[in-house]
Amino acid sequence: MGPDQAAELARHLLIEAMLLSAPVLIAGLLISVALSLLQTLTGVQEQTLTAVPRLFVVFVAGIATMPWFLHRAINYTVHLWSDFHRYLG
Protein backbone atom coordinates (compact mmCIF):
# COMPACT_ATOMS: atom_id res chain seq x y z
CA MET A 1 0.00 0.00 0.00
CA GLY A 2 1.40 3.32 -1.05
CA PRO A 3 1.19 6.60 0.82
CA ASP A 4 -1.54 7.89 -1.47
CA GLN A 5 -3.71 4.85 -0.79
CA ALA A 6 -3.12 5.16 2.96
CA ALA A 7 -4.09 8.84 2.84
CA GLU A 8 -7.22 8.01 0.82
CA LEU A 9 -8.19 5.29 3.28
CA ALA A 10 -7.63 7.62 6.25
CA ARG A 11 -9.63 10.38 4.56
CA HIS A 12 -12.60 8.08 3.97
CA LEU A 13 -12.38 6.83 7.54
CA LEU A 14 -12.39 10.36 8.97
CA ILE A 15 -15.32 11.41 6.79
CA GLU A 16 -17.28 8.36 7.92
CA ALA A 17 -16.45 9.04 11.57
CA MET A 18 -17.63 12.65 11.24
CA LEU A 19 -20.88 11.56 9.60
CA LEU A 20 -21.55 8.93 12.25
CA SER A 21 -20.89 11.25 15.18
CA ALA A 22 -22.77 14.25 13.74
CA PRO A 23 -26.33 13.47 14.95
CA VAL A 24 -25.32 13.01 18.58
CA LEU A 25 -22.99 16.00 18.53
CA ILE A 26 -25.62 18.24 16.94
CA ALA A 27 -28.23 17.15 19.49
CA GLY A 28 -25.79 17.87 22.31
CA LEU A 29 -24.95 21.26 20.82
CA LEU A 30 -28.59 22.28 20.43
CA ILE A 31 -29.59 21.27 23.96
CA SER A 32 -26.51 22.97 25.40
CA VAL A 33 -27.33 26.23 23.64
CA ALA A 34 -30.96 26.03 24.74
CA LEU A 35 -30.03 25.30 28.35
CA SER A 36 -27.42 28.07 28.39
CA LEU A 37 -29.98 30.52 27.04
CA LEU A 38 -32.50 29.39 29.65
CA GLN A 39 -29.93 29.80 32.42
CA THR A 40 -29.01 33.26 31.19
CA LEU A 41 -32.62 34.39 30.96
CA THR A 42 -33.63 33.04 34.37
CA GLY A 43 -30.41 33.78 36.25
CA VAL A 44 -30.22 30.23 37.60
CA GLN A 45 -26.59 29.13 37.34
CA GLU A 46 -26.85 25.63 38.79
CA GLN A 47 -24.62 23.22 36.84
CA THR A 48 -26.50 20.09 37.87
CA LEU A 49 -29.66 21.34 36.15
CA THR A 50 -27.93 21.24 32.77
CA ALA A 51 -26.14 17.89 33.06
CA VAL A 52 -29.19 15.62 33.30
CA PRO A 53 -31.13 17.03 30.30
CA ARG A 54 -27.97 17.08 28.21
CA LEU A 55 -27.20 13.44 29.02
CA PHE A 56 -30.79 12.45 28.35
CA VAL A 57 -30.93 14.19 24.95
CA VAL A 58 -27.60 12.71 23.85
CA PHE A 59 -28.76 9.25 24.97
CA VAL A 60 -32.08 9.58 23.11
CA ALA A 61 -30.32 10.87 19.99
CA GLY A 62 -27.93 7.92 20.14
CA ILE A 63 -30.75 5.42 20.48
CA ALA A 64 -32.84 7.11 17.76
CA THR A 65 -29.99 7.12 15.24
CA MET A 66 -28.66 3.66 16.11
CA PRO A 67 -30.28 1.85 13.12
CA TRP A 68 -28.86 4.43 10.70
CA PHE A 69 -25.50 4.32 12.48
CA LEU A 70 -25.27 0.53 12.28
CA HIS A 71 -26.42 0.44 8.64
CA ARG A 72 -23.82 3.02 7.66
CA ALA A 73 -21.01 1.37 9.65
CA ILE A 74 -21.80 -2.06 8.24
CA ASN A 75 -21.90 -0.73 4.67
CA TYR A 76 -18.56 1.02 5.18
CA THR A 77 -16.98 -2.15 6.56
CA VAL A 78 -18.36 -4.34 3.77
CA HIS A 79 -17.16 -1.85 1.15
CA LEU A 80 -13.72 -1.69 2.77
CA TRP A 81 -13.34 -5.48 2.91
CA SER A 82 -14.72 -6.02 -0.60
CA ASP A 83 -12.14 -3.59 -2.06
CA PHE A 84 -9.33 -4.84 0.15
CA HIS A 85 -7.45 -6.26 -2.84
CA ARG A 86 -6.69 -2.68 -3.95
CA TYR A 87 -4.59 -2.14 -0.84
CA LEU A 88 -2.52 -5.31 -1.07
CA GLY A 89 0.83 -5.46 -2.79
C-alpha atoms as a PDB file:
ATOM      1  CA  MET A   1       0.000   0.000   0.000  1.00  0.00           C
ATOM      2  CA  GLY A   2       1.404   3.320  -1.050  1.00  0.00           C
ATOM      3  CA  PRO A   3       1.189   6.603   0.822  1.00  0.00           C
ATOM      4  CA  ASP A   4      -1.538   7.887  -1.468  1.00  0.00           C
ATOM      5  CA  GLN A   5      -3.710   4.846  -0.791  1.00  0.00           C
ATOM      6  CA  ALA A   6      -3.116   5.164   2.960  1.00  0.00           C
ATOM      7  CA  ALA A   7      -4.087   8.837   2.837  1.00  0.00           C
ATOM      8  CA  GLU A   8      -7.219   8.012   0.819  1.00  0.00           C
ATOM      9  CA  LEU A   9      -8.188   5.285   3.285  1.00  0.00           C
ATOM     10  CA  ALA A  10      -7.632   7.620   6.247  1.00  0.00           C
ATOM     11  CA  ARG A  11      -9.633  10.385   4.556  1.00  0.00           C
ATOM     12  CA  HIS A  12     -12.598   8.075   3.968  1.00  0.00           C
ATOM     13  CA  LEU A  13     -12.381   6.829   7.541  1.00  0.00           C
ATOM     14  CA  LEU A  14     -12.394  10.359   8.968  1.00  0.00           C
ATOM     15  CA  ILE A  15     -15.324  11.406   6.792  1.00  0.00           C
ATOM     16  CA  GLU A  16     -17.282   8.356   7.918  1.00  0.00           C
ATOM     17  CA  ALA A  17     -16.446   9.040  11.569  1.00  0.00           C
ATOM     18  CA  MET A  18     -17.634  12.645  11.239  1.00  0.00           C
ATOM     19  CA  LEU A  19     -20.882  11.564   9.602  1.00  0.00           C
ATOM     20  CA  LEU A  20     -21.554   8.928  12.248  1.00  0.00           C
ATOM     21  CA  SER A  21     -20.895  11.251  15.176  1.00  0.00           C
ATOM     22  CA  ALA A  22     -22.765  14.246  13.735  1.00  0.00           C
ATOM     23  CA  PRO A  23     -26.332  13.472  14.952  1.00  0.00           C
ATOM     24  CA  VAL A  24     -25.321  13.006  18.578  1.00  0.00           C
ATOM     25  CA  LEU A  25     -22.989  16.002  18.534  1.00  0.00           C
ATOM     26  CA  ILE A  26     -25.620  18.244  16.940  1.00  0.00           C
ATOM     27  CA  ALA A  27     -28.230  17.152  19.489  1.00  0.00           C
ATOM     28  CA  GLY A  28     -25.789  17.874  22.311  1.00  0.00           C
ATOM     29  CA  LEU A  29     -24.953  21.257  20.824  1.00  0.00           C
ATOM     30  CA  LEU A  30     -28.585  22.284  20.428  1.00  0.00           C
ATOM     31  CA  ILE A  31     -29.593  21.268  23.957  1.00  0.00           C
ATOM     32  CA  SER A  32     -26.507  22.971  25.398  1.00  0.00           C
ATOM     33  CA  VAL A  33     -27.331  26.233  23.642  1.00  0.00           C
ATOM     34  CA  ALA A  34     -30.961  26.027  24.736  1.00  0.00           C
ATOM     35  CA  LEU A  35     -30.029  25.305  28.348  1.00  0.00           C
ATOM     36  CA  SER A  36     -27.418  28.074  28.392  1.00  0.00           C
ATOM     37  CA  LEU A  37     -29.983  30.521  27.041  1.00  0.00           C
ATOM     38  CA  LEU A  38     -32.499  29.388  29.649  1.00  0.00           C
ATOM     39  CA  GLN A  39     -29.926  29.803  32.418  1.00  0.00           C
ATOM     40  CA  THR A  40     -29.011  33.264  31.194  1.00  0.00           C
ATOM     41  CA  LEU A  41     -32.624  34.391  30.958  1.00  0.00           C
ATOM     42  CA  THR A  42     -33.627  33.038  34.369  1.00  0.00           C
ATOM     43  CA  GLY A  43     -30.407  33.781  36.246  1.00  0.00           C
ATOM     44  CA  VAL A  44     -30.218  30.232  37.603  1.00  0.00           C
ATOM     45  CA  GLN A  45     -26.588  29.128  37.342  1.00  0.00           C
ATOM     46  CA  GLU A  46     -26.850  25.632  38.791  1.00  0.00           C
ATOM     47  CA  GLN A  47     -24.616  23.217  36.842  1.00  0.00           C
ATOM     48  CA  THR A  48     -26.501  20.086  37.875  1.00  0.00           C
ATOM     49  CA  LEU A  49     -29.661  21.342  36.153  1.00  0.00           C
ATOM     50  CA  THR A  50     -27.927  21.243  32.767  1.00  0.00           C
ATOM     51  CA  ALA A  51     -26.142  17.891  33.058  1.00  0.00           C
ATOM     52  CA  VAL A  52     -29.186  15.620  33.302  1.00  0.00           C
ATOM     53  CA  PRO A  53     -31.128  17.027  30.305  1.00  0.00           C
ATOM     54  CA  ARG A  54     -27.965  17.077  28.213  1.00  0.00           C
ATOM     55  CA  LEU A  55     -27.196  13.438  29.017  1.00  0.00           C
ATOM     56  CA  PHE A  56     -30.794  12.454  28.349  1.00  0.00           C
ATOM     57  CA  VAL A  57     -30.931  14.194  24.954  1.00  0.00           C
ATOM     58  CA  VAL A  58     -27.604  12.712  23.854  1.00  0.00           C
ATOM     59  CA  PHE A  59     -28.762   9.248  24.970  1.00  0.00           C
ATOM     60  CA  VAL A  60     -32.082   9.577  23.112  1.00  0.00           C
ATOM     61  CA  ALA A  61     -30.317  10.869  19.988  1.00  0.00           C
ATOM     62  CA  GLY A  62     -27.931   7.918  20.138  1.00  0.00           C
ATOM     63  CA  ILE A  63     -30.754   5.418  20.477  1.00  0.00           C
ATOM     64  CA  ALA A  64     -32.837   7.109  17.761  1.00  0.00           C
ATOM     65  CA  THR A  65     -29.989   7.124  15.235  1.00  0.00           C
ATOM     66  CA  MET A  66     -28.659   3.661  16.113  1.00  0.00           C
ATOM     67  CA  PRO A  67     -30.277   1.849  13.116  1.00  0.00           C
ATOM     68  CA  TRP A  68     -28.862   4.432  10.696  1.00  0.00           C
ATOM     69  CA  PHE A  69     -25.501   4.315  12.480  1.00  0.00           C
ATOM     70  CA  LEU A  70     -25.275   0.529  12.277  1.00  0.00           C
ATOM     71  CA  HIS A  71     -26.422   0.437   8.641  1.00  0.00           C
ATOM     72  CA  ARG A  72     -23.825   3.018   7.655  1.00  0.00           C
ATOM     73  CA  ALA A  73     -21.009   1.371   9.648  1.00  0.00           C
ATOM     74  CA  ILE A  74     -21.803  -2.064   8.237  1.00  0.00           C
ATOM     75  CA  ASN A  75     -21.905  -0.726   4.669  1.00  0.00           C
ATOM     76  CA  TYR A  76     -18.558   1.015   5.182  1.00  0.00           C
ATOM     77  CA  THR A  77     -16.981  -2.151   6.559  1.00  0.00           C
ATOM     78  CA  VAL A  78     -18.360  -4.343   3.773  1.00  0.00           C
ATOM     79  CA  HIS A  79     -17.161  -1.850   1.152  1.00  0.00           C
ATOM     80  CA  LEU A  80     -13.724  -1.691   2.772  1.00  0.00           C
ATOM     81  CA  TRP A  81     -13.337  -5.476   2.909  1.00  0.00           C
ATOM     82  CA  SER A  82     -14.716  -6.016  -0.598  1.00  0.00           C
ATOM     83  CA  ASP A  83     -12.143  -3.591  -2.061  1.00  0.00           C
ATOM     84  CA  PHE A  84      -9.326  -4.840   0.148  1.00  0.00           C
ATOM     85  CA  HIS A  85      -7.452  -6.257  -2.836  1.00  0.00           C
ATOM     86  CA  ARG A  86      -6.688  -2.678  -3.948  1.00  0.00           C
ATOM     87  CA  TYR A  87      -4.585  -2.136  -0.839  1.00  0.00           C
ATOM     88  CA  LEU A  88      -2.517  -5.307  -1.066  1.00  0.00           C
ATOM     89  CA  GLY A  89       0.827  -5.462  -2.786  1.00  0.00           C
END
